[in-house]
């Protein structure tokens, strides 16, 4: 058996000198969907070339079945101000909401983080939250694609947390964004739309 053998019996040789990993191009989970999720990962992270940091949570969907194993990433600016905030006042409001969100996540998990007045570490975040299950409300963000003129990129953000015994609900599918020519003058302000 060669190092270059693939699991299907073929070889990884490439004569075209081009290869693209097939990616699932999923539409986001519909707006206002309440889905049961678990925390797959949680840690401190920071934007590239910035001296600020935020808590990043990686949610994995458990149910409903049509979204099973999909992932939603959440940024919580619980310590530093989000550098993309339009003003210091908006940054403070965003930080307060993020702290309330993290406290609610902790309350639905083991309730260990709020027992300390200190900022959590990567280890304490993982110990307290990793594997915790709760219902998250998924909303959709969208903005123009900088690389493909006239196209949009879309994804999900987490707007609410509920106990894992809460009812599940899948929101209605909304039409995809219109082409750039039809959206001239339309403003996209993620800072105002995504409070965390």
N, C-alpha and C. Protein backbone atom coordinates (compact mmCIF):
# COMPACT_ATOMS: atom_id res chain seq x y z
N UNK A 1 0.85 -1.18 0.00
CA UNK A 1 0.00 0.00 0.00
C UNK A 1 0.89 1.24 0.00
N UNK A 2 0.59 2.16 -0.89
CA UNK A 2 1.35 3.40 -1.02
C UNK A 2 0.72 4.50 -0.18
N UNK A 3 1.53 5.43 0.24
CA UNK A 3 1.03 6.61 0.95
C UNK A 3 -0.03 7.33 0.13
N UNK A 4 0.08 7.31 -1.19
CA UNK A 4 -0.80 8.07 -2.08
C UNK A 4 -2.09 7.35 -2.44
N UNK A 5 -2.29 6.14 -1.92
CA UNK A 5 -3.52 5.40 -2.20
C UNK A 5 -4.69 6.04 -1.49
N UNK A 6 -5.83 6.11 -2.17
CA UNK A 6 -7.05 6.67 -1.59
C UNK A 6 -7.94 5.55 -1.07
N UNK A 7 -8.92 5.88 -0.27
CA UNK A 7 -9.77 4.87 0.35
C UNK A 7 -10.63 4.12 -0.66
N UNK A 8 -10.85 4.68 -1.85
CA UNK A 8 -11.65 4.00 -2.86
C UNK A 8 -10.81 3.12 -3.79
N UNK A 9 -9.50 2.95 -3.48
CA UNK A 9 -8.63 2.12 -4.29
C UNK A 9 -7.89 2.89 -5.37
N UNK A 10 -8.28 4.12 -5.64
CA UNK A 10 -7.61 4.95 -6.62
C UNK A 10 -6.35 5.56 -6.00
N UNK A 11 -5.59 6.29 -6.82
CA UNK A 11 -4.37 6.96 -6.37
C UNK A 11 -4.57 8.47 -6.45
N UNK A 12 -3.89 9.19 -5.60
CA UNK A 12 -4.06 10.65 -5.53
C UNK A 12 -3.29 11.38 -6.62
N UNK A 13 -2.79 10.69 -7.64
CA UNK A 13 -2.02 11.34 -8.70
C UNK A 13 -2.87 12.39 -9.41
N UNK A 14 -2.22 13.43 -9.86
CA UNK A 14 -2.93 14.49 -10.56
C UNK A 14 -2.14 14.90 -11.79
N UNK A 15 -2.77 14.76 -12.93
CA UNK A 15 -2.12 15.15 -14.17
C UNK A 15 -2.53 16.54 -14.60
N UNK A 16 -3.66 17.02 -14.08
CA UNK A 16 -4.15 18.34 -14.49
C UNK A 16 -3.48 19.48 -13.73
N UNK A 17 -2.83 19.18 -12.63
CA UNK A 17 -2.17 20.16 -11.77
C UNK A 17 -3.14 21.16 -11.16
N UNK A 18 -4.42 20.79 -11.12
CA UNK A 18 -5.44 21.59 -10.45
C UNK A 18 -6.31 20.67 -9.61
N UNK A 19 -6.72 21.15 -8.45
CA UNK A 19 -7.61 20.37 -7.60
C UNK A 19 -8.38 21.33 -6.71
N UNK A 20 -9.66 21.10 -6.60
CA UNK A 20 -10.50 21.90 -5.71
C UNK A 20 -11.28 20.95 -4.81
N UNK A 21 -11.20 21.21 -3.51
CA UNK A 21 -11.94 20.38 -2.56
C UNK A 21 -13.43 20.63 -2.78
N UNK A 22 -14.22 19.59 -3.00
CA UNK A 22 -15.66 19.80 -3.17
C UNK A 22 -16.24 20.36 -1.87
N UNK A 23 -16.97 21.45 -2.00
CA UNK A 23 -17.54 22.07 -0.80
C UNK A 23 -19.05 22.06 -0.91
N UNK A 24 -19.69 21.77 0.19
CA UNK A 24 -21.14 21.84 0.22
C UNK A 24 -21.55 23.31 0.27
N UNK A 25 -22.27 23.75 -0.71
CA UNK A 25 -22.70 25.14 -0.75
C UNK A 25 -24.12 25.20 -0.22
N UNK A 26 -24.25 25.23 1.10
CA UNK A 26 -25.56 25.20 1.73
C UNK A 26 -26.12 26.60 1.85
N UNK A 27 -27.42 26.71 1.64
CA UNK A 27 -28.10 27.95 1.99
C UNK A 27 -28.14 28.01 3.50
N UNK A 28 -28.16 29.21 4.06
CA UNK A 28 -28.25 29.31 5.52
C UNK A 28 -29.54 28.69 6.05
N UNK A 29 -29.53 28.35 7.31
CA UNK A 29 -30.74 27.91 7.99
C UNK A 29 -31.72 29.09 7.95
N UNK A 30 -33.00 28.87 7.66
CA UNK A 30 -33.93 29.99 7.51
C UNK A 30 -34.01 30.89 8.76
N UNK A 31 -34.27 32.18 8.52
CA UNK A 31 -34.46 33.16 9.59
C UNK A 31 -35.47 32.67 10.62
N UNK A 32 -35.23 33.03 11.88
CA UNK A 32 -36.14 32.72 12.99
C UNK A 32 -36.31 31.23 13.23
N UNK A 33 -35.26 30.44 12.94
CA UNK A 33 -35.33 29.00 13.19
C UNK A 33 -34.75 28.70 14.56
N UNK A 34 -35.50 27.95 15.36
CA UNK A 34 -35.03 27.49 16.66
C UNK A 34 -34.59 26.04 16.50
N UNK A 35 -33.29 25.79 16.68
CA UNK A 35 -32.73 24.46 16.44
C UNK A 35 -31.96 24.00 17.68
N UNK A 36 -32.02 22.70 17.94
CA UNK A 36 -31.26 22.14 19.05
C UNK A 36 -29.81 21.99 18.61
N UNK A 37 -28.90 22.52 19.42
CA UNK A 37 -27.48 22.53 19.07
C UNK A 37 -26.63 22.17 20.27
N UNK A 38 -25.39 21.82 19.98
CA UNK A 38 -24.43 21.62 21.06
C UNK A 38 -23.17 22.41 20.75
N UNK A 39 -22.47 22.78 21.80
CA UNK A 39 -21.23 23.53 21.62
C UNK A 39 -20.11 22.54 21.29
N UNK A 40 -19.65 22.62 20.05
CA UNK A 40 -18.58 21.74 19.57
C UNK A 40 -17.22 22.28 20.00
N UNK A 41 -17.10 23.61 20.04
CA UNK A 41 -15.85 24.24 20.43
C UNK A 41 -16.10 25.64 20.94
N UNK A 42 -15.25 26.10 21.86
CA UNK A 42 -15.36 27.45 22.40
C UNK A 42 -13.97 27.89 22.84
N UNK A 43 -13.57 29.11 22.45
CA UNK A 43 -12.24 29.61 22.79
C UNK A 43 -12.18 31.11 22.54
N UNK A 44 -11.12 31.71 23.06
CA UNK A 44 -10.82 33.10 22.73
C UNK A 44 -10.20 33.15 21.35
N UNK A 45 -10.55 34.16 20.57
CA UNK A 45 -9.99 34.34 19.24
C UNK A 45 -9.79 35.83 19.02
N UNK A 46 -9.13 36.19 17.94
CA UNK A 46 -8.92 37.61 17.64
C UNK A 46 -8.87 37.82 16.14
N UNK A 47 -9.31 39.02 15.71
CA UNK A 47 -9.22 39.32 14.27
C UNK A 47 -7.74 39.40 13.86
N UNK A 48 -7.49 39.09 12.64
CA UNK A 48 -6.13 39.18 12.12
C UNK A 48 -5.57 40.58 12.31
N UNK A 49 -4.35 40.68 12.77
CA UNK A 49 -3.63 41.94 12.95
C UNK A 49 -4.27 42.89 13.94
N UNK A 50 -5.04 42.38 14.89
CA UNK A 50 -5.67 43.24 15.90
C UNK A 50 -5.27 42.75 17.28
N UNK A 51 -5.16 43.69 18.21
CA UNK A 51 -4.78 43.35 19.59
C UNK A 51 -6.01 43.20 20.47
N UNK A 52 -7.15 42.89 19.88
CA UNK A 52 -8.39 42.70 20.64
C UNK A 52 -8.81 41.24 20.49
N UNK A 53 -9.70 40.79 21.38
CA UNK A 53 -10.13 39.40 21.30
C UNK A 53 -11.61 39.27 21.63
N UNK A 54 -12.19 38.15 21.19
CA UNK A 54 -13.59 37.84 21.41
C UNK A 54 -13.70 36.35 21.70
N UNK A 55 -14.82 35.93 22.27
CA UNK A 55 -15.07 34.50 22.48
C UNK A 55 -15.76 33.98 21.22
N UNK A 56 -15.24 32.89 20.69
CA UNK A 56 -15.82 32.27 19.50
C UNK A 56 -16.43 30.93 19.90
N UNK A 57 -17.69 30.74 19.54
CA UNK A 57 -18.39 29.49 19.83
C UNK A 57 -18.75 28.82 18.51
N UNK A 58 -18.46 27.53 18.43
CA UNK A 58 -18.80 26.73 17.27
C UNK A 58 -19.96 25.82 17.67
N UNK A 59 -21.17 26.13 17.16
CA UNK A 59 -22.37 25.34 17.45
C UNK A 59 -22.55 24.28 16.37
N UNK A 60 -22.87 23.05 16.76
CA UNK A 60 -23.22 21.98 15.82
C UNK A 60 -24.69 21.65 16.00
N UNK A 61 -25.46 21.68 14.91
CA UNK A 61 -26.90 21.42 14.97
C UNK A 61 -27.14 19.93 15.18
N UNK A 62 -28.07 19.62 16.10
CA UNK A 62 -28.46 18.24 16.39
C UNK A 62 -29.78 17.91 15.69
N UNK A 63 -30.78 18.75 15.89
CA UNK A 63 -32.07 18.60 15.22
C UNK A 63 -32.62 19.99 14.91
N UNK A 64 -33.47 20.12 13.90
CA UNK A 64 -34.13 19.10 13.07
C UNK A 64 -33.16 18.43 12.10
N UNK A 65 -33.59 17.28 11.64
CA UNK A 65 -32.76 16.39 10.83
C UNK A 65 -32.17 17.07 9.59
N UNK A 66 -32.95 17.96 8.93
CA UNK A 66 -32.46 18.56 7.68
C UNK A 66 -31.25 19.46 7.88
N UNK A 67 -30.97 19.85 9.14
CA UNK A 67 -29.80 20.68 9.41
C UNK A 67 -28.76 19.97 10.27
N UNK A 68 -28.98 18.69 10.53
CA UNK A 68 -28.09 17.93 11.42
C UNK A 68 -26.64 18.04 10.97
N UNK A 69 -25.77 18.30 11.93
CA UNK A 69 -24.32 18.44 11.76
C UNK A 69 -23.89 19.72 11.05
N UNK A 70 -24.81 20.58 10.68
CA UNK A 70 -24.43 21.90 10.17
C UNK A 70 -23.81 22.68 11.32
N UNK A 71 -22.97 23.64 11.02
CA UNK A 71 -22.29 24.41 12.06
C UNK A 71 -22.57 25.89 11.90
N UNK A 72 -22.72 26.56 13.04
CA UNK A 72 -22.92 28.01 13.08
C UNK A 72 -21.86 28.56 14.03
N UNK A 73 -21.15 29.58 13.59
CA UNK A 73 -20.10 30.19 14.40
C UNK A 73 -20.61 31.50 14.99
N UNK A 74 -20.29 31.71 16.24
CA UNK A 74 -20.77 32.89 16.96
C UNK A 74 -19.58 33.62 17.57
N UNK A 75 -19.53 34.94 17.37
CA UNK A 75 -18.52 35.79 18.01
C UNK A 75 -19.19 36.57 19.12
N UNK A 76 -18.60 36.53 20.29
CA UNK A 76 -19.10 37.31 21.42
C UNK A 76 -18.01 38.26 21.88
N UNK A 77 -18.24 39.57 21.66
CA UNK A 77 -17.27 40.59 22.07
C UNK A 77 -17.51 40.92 23.54
N UNK A 78 -17.09 40.01 24.42
CA UNK A 78 -17.38 40.13 25.85
C UNK A 78 -16.34 40.93 26.62
N UNK A 79 -15.16 41.13 26.03
CA UNK A 79 -14.11 41.87 26.75
C UNK A 79 -13.73 43.14 26.02
N UNK A 80 -13.15 43.01 24.86
CA UNK A 80 -12.72 44.18 24.09
C UNK A 80 -13.86 44.71 23.23
N UNK A 81 -13.72 45.96 22.80
CA UNK A 81 -14.69 46.54 21.90
C UNK A 81 -14.47 45.99 20.49
N UNK A 82 -15.56 45.71 19.80
CA UNK A 82 -15.49 45.27 18.41
C UNK A 82 -14.94 46.44 17.58
N UNK A 83 -13.80 46.26 16.90
CA UNK A 83 -13.23 47.37 16.12
C UNK A 83 -14.10 47.83 14.96
N UNK A 84 -15.08 47.03 14.56
CA UNK A 84 -15.95 47.43 13.46
C UNK A 84 -17.16 48.25 13.94
N UNK A 85 -17.31 48.43 15.25
CA UNK A 85 -18.43 49.22 15.79
C UNK A 85 -18.30 50.67 15.32
N UNK A 86 -19.42 51.29 15.03
CA UNK A 86 -19.44 52.64 14.48
C UNK A 86 -19.11 53.73 15.51
N UNK A 87 -19.28 53.41 16.78
CA UNK A 87 -18.99 54.39 17.83
C UNK A 87 -18.67 53.64 19.12
N UNK A 88 -18.09 54.35 20.07
CA UNK A 88 -17.79 53.73 21.35
C UNK A 88 -19.06 53.32 22.07
N UNK A 89 -20.11 54.12 21.94
CA UNK A 89 -21.38 53.80 22.57
C UNK A 89 -21.97 52.49 22.02
N UNK A 90 -21.91 52.32 20.68
CA UNK A 90 -22.40 51.08 20.07
C UNK A 90 -21.53 49.90 20.50
N UNK A 91 -20.23 50.12 20.63
CA UNK A 91 -19.33 49.05 21.07
C UNK A 91 -19.65 48.63 22.50
N UNK A 92 -19.95 49.59 23.36
CA UNK A 92 -20.31 49.27 24.75
C UNK A 92 -21.62 48.47 24.79
N UNK A 93 -22.59 48.90 24.01
CA UNK A 93 -23.88 48.20 23.96
C UNK A 93 -23.68 46.77 23.45
N UNK A 94 -22.85 46.62 22.41
CA UNK A 94 -22.58 45.30 21.85
C UNK A 94 -21.90 44.41 22.88
N UNK A 95 -20.95 44.97 23.63
CA UNK A 95 -20.25 44.19 24.66
C UNK A 95 -21.22 43.76 25.76
N UNK A 96 -22.11 44.67 26.18
CA UNK A 96 -23.10 44.32 27.22
C UNK A 96 -24.01 43.18 26.76
N UNK A 97 -24.48 43.26 25.52
CA UNK A 97 -25.34 42.19 24.98
C UNK A 97 -24.58 40.88 24.89
N UNK A 98 -23.30 40.95 24.50
CA UNK A 98 -22.48 39.74 24.40
C UNK A 98 -22.28 39.11 25.78
N UNK A 99 -22.06 39.92 26.80
CA UNK A 99 -21.89 39.39 28.15
C UNK A 99 -23.19 38.74 28.64
N UNK A 100 -24.33 39.36 28.33
CA UNK A 100 -25.61 38.76 28.71
C UNK A 100 -25.82 37.44 27.98
N UNK A 101 -25.44 37.39 26.72
CA UNK A 101 -25.57 36.16 25.94
C UNK A 101 -24.68 35.07 26.52
N UNK A 102 -23.42 35.39 26.85
CA UNK A 102 -22.52 34.38 27.41
C UNK A 102 -23.03 33.90 28.78
N UNK A 103 -23.56 34.81 29.58
CA UNK A 103 -24.11 34.42 30.89
C UNK A 103 -25.30 33.47 30.72
N UNK A 104 -26.13 33.71 29.70
CA UNK A 104 -27.28 32.84 29.43
C UNK A 104 -26.82 31.47 28.93
N UNK A 105 -25.81 31.47 28.07
CA UNK A 105 -25.24 30.20 27.60
C UNK A 105 -24.70 29.42 28.80
N UNK A 106 -23.97 30.11 29.69
CA UNK A 106 -23.42 29.47 30.88
C UNK A 106 -24.54 28.92 31.77
N UNK A 107 -25.61 29.68 31.95
CA UNK A 107 -26.72 29.23 32.78
C UNK A 107 -27.38 27.97 32.21
N UNK A 108 -27.42 27.86 30.89
CA UNK A 108 -27.98 26.68 30.24
C UNK A 108 -27.00 25.51 30.19
N UNK A 109 -25.74 25.77 30.51
CA UNK A 109 -24.73 24.71 30.55
C UNK A 109 -24.57 24.27 32.00
N UNK A 110 -23.40 24.42 32.53
CA UNK A 110 -23.13 23.96 33.89
C UNK A 110 -23.18 25.10 34.91
N UNK A 111 -23.29 26.35 34.44
CA UNK A 111 -23.35 27.48 35.36
C UNK A 111 -22.06 27.79 36.08
N UNK A 112 -20.93 27.37 35.53
CA UNK A 112 -19.65 27.52 36.23
C UNK A 112 -18.97 28.86 35.97
N UNK A 113 -19.13 29.45 34.80
CA UNK A 113 -18.40 30.67 34.48
C UNK A 113 -18.80 31.85 35.35
N UNK A 114 -20.09 31.99 35.62
CA UNK A 114 -20.58 33.13 36.40
C UNK A 114 -20.17 33.05 37.87
N UNK A 115 -19.67 31.91 38.30
CA UNK A 115 -19.22 31.76 39.70
C UNK A 115 -17.96 32.57 39.97
N UNK A 116 -17.26 32.97 38.92
CA UNK A 116 -16.04 33.75 39.05
C UNK A 116 -16.24 35.14 38.48
N UNK A 117 -15.61 36.13 39.09
CA UNK A 117 -15.68 37.49 38.54
C UNK A 117 -14.57 37.74 37.52
N UNK A 118 -13.69 36.75 37.36
CA UNK A 118 -12.56 36.87 36.42
C UNK A 118 -13.01 36.51 35.00
N UNK A 119 -12.30 37.06 34.02
CA UNK A 119 -12.54 36.68 32.63
C UNK A 119 -12.19 35.21 32.47
N UNK A 120 -13.01 34.44 31.77
CA UNK A 120 -12.71 33.02 31.58
C UNK A 120 -11.48 32.83 30.70
N UNK A 121 -10.84 31.69 30.88
CA UNK A 121 -9.71 31.29 30.04
C UNK A 121 -10.23 30.31 28.99
N UNK A 122 -9.37 29.95 28.04
CA UNK A 122 -9.75 28.91 27.07
C UNK A 122 -10.13 27.63 27.79
N UNK A 123 -9.35 27.27 28.81
CA UNK A 123 -9.63 26.04 29.54
C UNK A 123 -10.96 26.10 30.29
N UNK A 124 -11.22 27.22 30.97
CA UNK A 124 -12.47 27.31 31.73
C UNK A 124 -13.68 27.39 30.80
N UNK A 125 -13.54 28.04 29.65
CA UNK A 125 -14.62 28.07 28.67
C UNK A 125 -14.95 26.66 28.19
N UNK A 126 -13.90 25.91 27.83
CA UNK A 126 -14.11 24.55 27.33
C UNK A 126 -14.69 23.65 28.42
N UNK A 127 -14.17 23.75 29.62
CA UNK A 127 -14.65 22.91 30.72
C UNK A 127 -16.13 23.19 31.03
N UNK A 128 -16.50 24.46 31.04
CA UNK A 128 -17.87 24.84 31.41
C UNK A 128 -18.88 24.65 30.28
N UNK A 129 -18.45 24.83 29.02
CA UNK A 129 -19.43 24.91 27.93
C UNK A 129 -19.35 23.80 26.89
N UNK A 130 -18.19 23.20 26.70
CA UNK A 130 -18.02 22.18 25.65
C UNK A 130 -19.05 21.06 25.82
N UNK A 131 -19.78 20.76 24.75
CA UNK A 131 -20.75 19.68 24.76
C UNK A 131 -22.13 20.07 25.30
N UNK A 132 -22.27 21.28 25.82
CA UNK A 132 -23.57 21.72 26.35
C UNK A 132 -24.57 21.84 25.20
N UNK A 133 -25.79 21.39 25.46
CA UNK A 133 -26.85 21.44 24.45
C UNK A 133 -27.89 22.48 24.85
N UNK A 134 -28.34 23.24 23.87
CA UNK A 134 -29.41 24.21 24.07
C UNK A 134 -30.00 24.57 22.72
N UNK A 135 -31.13 25.23 22.75
CA UNK A 135 -31.77 25.68 21.53
C UNK A 135 -31.23 27.06 21.19
N UNK A 136 -30.81 27.23 19.94
CA UNK A 136 -30.36 28.53 19.47
C UNK A 136 -31.32 29.02 18.39
N UNK A 137 -31.52 30.32 18.35
CA UNK A 137 -32.33 30.93 17.28
C UNK A 137 -31.36 31.43 16.21
N UNK A 138 -31.50 30.89 15.00
CA UNK A 138 -30.65 31.28 13.89
C UNK A 138 -31.31 32.37 13.06
N UNK A 139 -30.56 33.40 12.78
CA UNK A 139 -30.97 34.48 11.89
C UNK A 139 -29.99 34.50 10.72
N UNK A 140 -30.34 35.21 9.66
CA UNK A 140 -29.49 35.28 8.47
C UNK A 140 -28.86 36.67 8.36
N UNK A 141 -27.55 36.69 8.10
CA UNK A 141 -26.87 37.92 7.71
C UNK A 141 -26.53 37.80 6.22
N UNK A 142 -26.41 38.92 5.57
CA UNK A 142 -26.01 38.92 4.16
C UNK A 142 -25.28 40.21 3.85
N UNK A 143 -24.35 40.12 2.91
CA UNK A 143 -23.64 41.32 2.47
C UNK A 143 -23.08 41.05 1.08
N UNK A 144 -22.76 42.13 0.35
CA UNK A 144 -22.21 41.94 -0.99
C UNK A 144 -20.88 41.19 -0.95
N UNK A 145 -20.68 40.33 -1.92
CA UNK A 145 -19.43 39.58 -2.05
C UNK A 145 -18.40 40.51 -2.68
N UNK A 146 -17.28 40.70 -2.01
CA UNK A 146 -16.25 41.63 -2.50
C UNK A 146 -15.52 41.09 -3.71
N UNK A 147 -15.53 39.78 -3.88
CA UNK A 147 -14.79 39.17 -4.99
C UNK A 147 -15.65 38.95 -6.22
N UNK A 148 -16.94 38.77 -6.04
CA UNK A 148 -17.84 38.51 -7.18
C UNK A 148 -18.90 39.60 -7.21
N UNK A 149 -18.67 40.59 -8.06
CA UNK A 149 -19.57 41.74 -8.15
C UNK A 149 -20.99 41.29 -8.49
N UNK A 150 -21.94 41.81 -7.75
CA UNK A 150 -23.34 41.47 -7.98
C UNK A 150 -23.80 40.25 -7.20
N UNK A 151 -22.88 39.55 -6.56
CA UNK A 151 -23.23 38.38 -5.77
C UNK A 151 -23.28 38.75 -4.29
N UNK A 152 -23.93 37.91 -3.51
CA UNK A 152 -24.02 38.12 -2.08
C UNK A 152 -23.50 36.89 -1.34
N UNK A 153 -22.97 37.11 -0.17
CA UNK A 153 -22.66 36.01 0.72
C UNK A 153 -23.63 36.08 1.89
N UNK A 154 -24.03 34.91 2.36
CA UNK A 154 -25.02 34.83 3.43
C UNK A 154 -24.58 33.79 4.44
N UNK A 155 -25.03 33.96 5.64
CA UNK A 155 -24.72 33.00 6.68
C UNK A 155 -25.67 33.17 7.85
N UNK A 156 -25.44 32.40 8.89
CA UNK A 156 -26.29 32.47 10.07
C UNK A 156 -25.57 33.12 11.23
N UNK A 157 -26.33 33.76 12.09
CA UNK A 157 -25.84 34.25 13.37
C UNK A 157 -26.85 33.87 14.43
N UNK A 158 -26.40 33.81 15.67
CA UNK A 158 -27.23 33.36 16.78
C UNK A 158 -27.81 34.58 17.48
N UNK A 159 -29.15 34.66 17.50
CA UNK A 159 -29.80 35.82 18.12
C UNK A 159 -30.39 35.53 19.49
N UNK A 160 -30.57 34.25 19.83
CA UNK A 160 -31.19 33.93 21.12
C UNK A 160 -30.76 32.53 21.57
N UNK A 161 -30.82 32.35 22.87
CA UNK A 161 -30.50 31.06 23.51
C UNK A 161 -31.69 30.66 24.35
N UNK A 162 -32.04 29.37 24.31
CA UNK A 162 -33.14 28.83 25.11
C UNK A 162 -32.73 27.49 25.69
N UNK A 163 -33.39 27.03 26.76
CA UNK A 163 -33.09 25.70 27.29
C UNK A 163 -33.31 24.62 26.24
N UNK A 164 -32.59 23.51 26.37
CA UNK A 164 -32.66 22.45 25.36
C UNK A 164 -34.03 21.79 25.26
N UNK A 165 -34.89 22.01 26.25
CA UNK A 165 -36.24 21.43 26.20
C UNK A 165 -37.24 22.34 25.48
N UNK A 166 -36.79 23.48 24.98
CA UNK A 166 -37.68 24.43 24.29
C UNK A 166 -38.14 23.86 22.96
N UNK A 167 -39.27 24.38 22.48
CA UNK A 167 -39.81 23.94 21.19
C UNK A 167 -38.88 24.33 20.05
N UNK A 168 -38.85 23.49 19.03
CA UNK A 168 -38.07 23.76 17.82
C UNK A 168 -39.00 24.32 16.75
N UNK A 169 -38.44 25.14 15.88
CA UNK A 169 -39.23 25.78 14.84
C UNK A 169 -38.30 26.12 13.67
N UNK A 170 -38.72 25.79 12.46
CA UNK A 170 -37.96 26.16 11.27
C UNK A 170 -38.70 27.32 10.60
N UNK A 171 -38.00 28.44 10.42
CA UNK A 171 -38.60 29.62 9.80
C UNK A 171 -38.86 29.40 8.32
N UNK A 172 -39.58 30.32 7.74
CA UNK A 172 -39.90 30.24 6.32
C UNK A 172 -38.70 30.66 5.48
N UNK A 173 -38.53 29.97 4.36
CA UNK A 173 -37.46 30.33 3.43
C UNK A 173 -37.78 31.70 2.84
N UNK A 174 -36.78 32.55 2.77
CA UNK A 174 -36.95 33.87 2.14
C UNK A 174 -36.20 33.87 0.82
N UNK A 175 -36.64 34.69 -0.12
CA UNK A 175 -35.93 34.73 -1.40
C UNK A 175 -34.49 35.21 -1.21
N UNK A 176 -33.62 34.72 -2.09
CA UNK A 176 -32.22 35.15 -2.05
C UNK A 176 -32.13 36.61 -2.44
N UNK A 177 -31.05 37.30 -2.03
CA UNK A 177 -30.89 38.72 -2.37
C UNK A 177 -30.89 38.93 -3.87
N UNK A 178 -31.36 40.10 -4.28
CA UNK A 178 -31.40 40.45 -5.69
C UNK A 178 -30.02 40.85 -6.18
N UNK A 179 -29.88 40.89 -7.48
CA UNK A 179 -28.59 41.26 -8.09
C UNK A 179 -28.24 42.70 -7.72
N UNK A 180 -26.98 43.04 -7.86
CA UNK A 180 -26.47 44.35 -7.45
C UNK A 180 -27.21 45.50 -8.13
N UNK A 181 -27.56 45.34 -9.40
CA UNK A 181 -28.25 46.42 -10.12
C UNK A 181 -29.58 46.76 -9.47
N UNK A 182 -30.20 45.76 -8.83
CA UNK A 182 -31.49 45.98 -8.20
C UNK A 182 -31.36 46.48 -6.76
N UNK A 183 -30.15 46.49 -6.21
CA UNK A 183 -29.96 46.90 -4.82
C UNK A 183 -29.12 48.16 -4.69
N UNK A 184 -28.98 48.91 -5.77
CA UNK A 184 -28.20 50.14 -5.73
C UNK A 184 -28.74 51.05 -4.63
N UNK A 185 -27.85 51.61 -3.85
CA UNK A 185 -28.25 52.51 -2.78
C UNK A 185 -28.65 51.79 -1.50
N UNK A 186 -28.69 50.47 -1.51
CA UNK A 186 -29.06 49.71 -0.32
C UNK A 186 -27.86 49.64 0.61
N UNK A 187 -28.08 49.83 1.88
CA UNK A 187 -27.00 49.86 2.86
C UNK A 187 -26.92 48.53 3.60
N UNK A 188 -25.71 48.04 3.79
CA UNK A 188 -25.48 46.81 4.54
C UNK A 188 -24.64 47.16 5.75
N UNK A 189 -25.22 47.09 6.92
CA UNK A 189 -24.54 47.46 8.15
C UNK A 189 -24.61 46.31 9.13
N UNK A 190 -23.62 45.42 9.07
CA UNK A 190 -23.61 44.26 9.95
C UNK A 190 -23.54 44.65 11.40
N UNK A 191 -22.91 45.78 11.71
CA UNK A 191 -22.80 46.21 13.09
C UNK A 191 -24.17 46.44 13.70
N UNK A 192 -25.10 46.96 12.92
CA UNK A 192 -26.45 47.22 13.44
C UNK A 192 -27.31 45.95 13.45
N UNK A 193 -27.06 45.03 12.52
CA UNK A 193 -27.91 43.86 12.39
C UNK A 193 -27.53 42.71 13.31
N UNK A 194 -26.24 42.55 13.56
CA UNK A 194 -25.77 41.45 14.38
C UNK A 194 -25.22 42.01 15.68
N UNK A 195 -25.96 41.88 16.78
CA UNK A 195 -25.57 42.54 18.00
C UNK A 195 -24.45 41.88 18.77
N UNK A 196 -23.92 40.76 18.29
CA UNK A 196 -22.85 40.10 19.04
C UNK A 196 -21.62 40.06 18.21
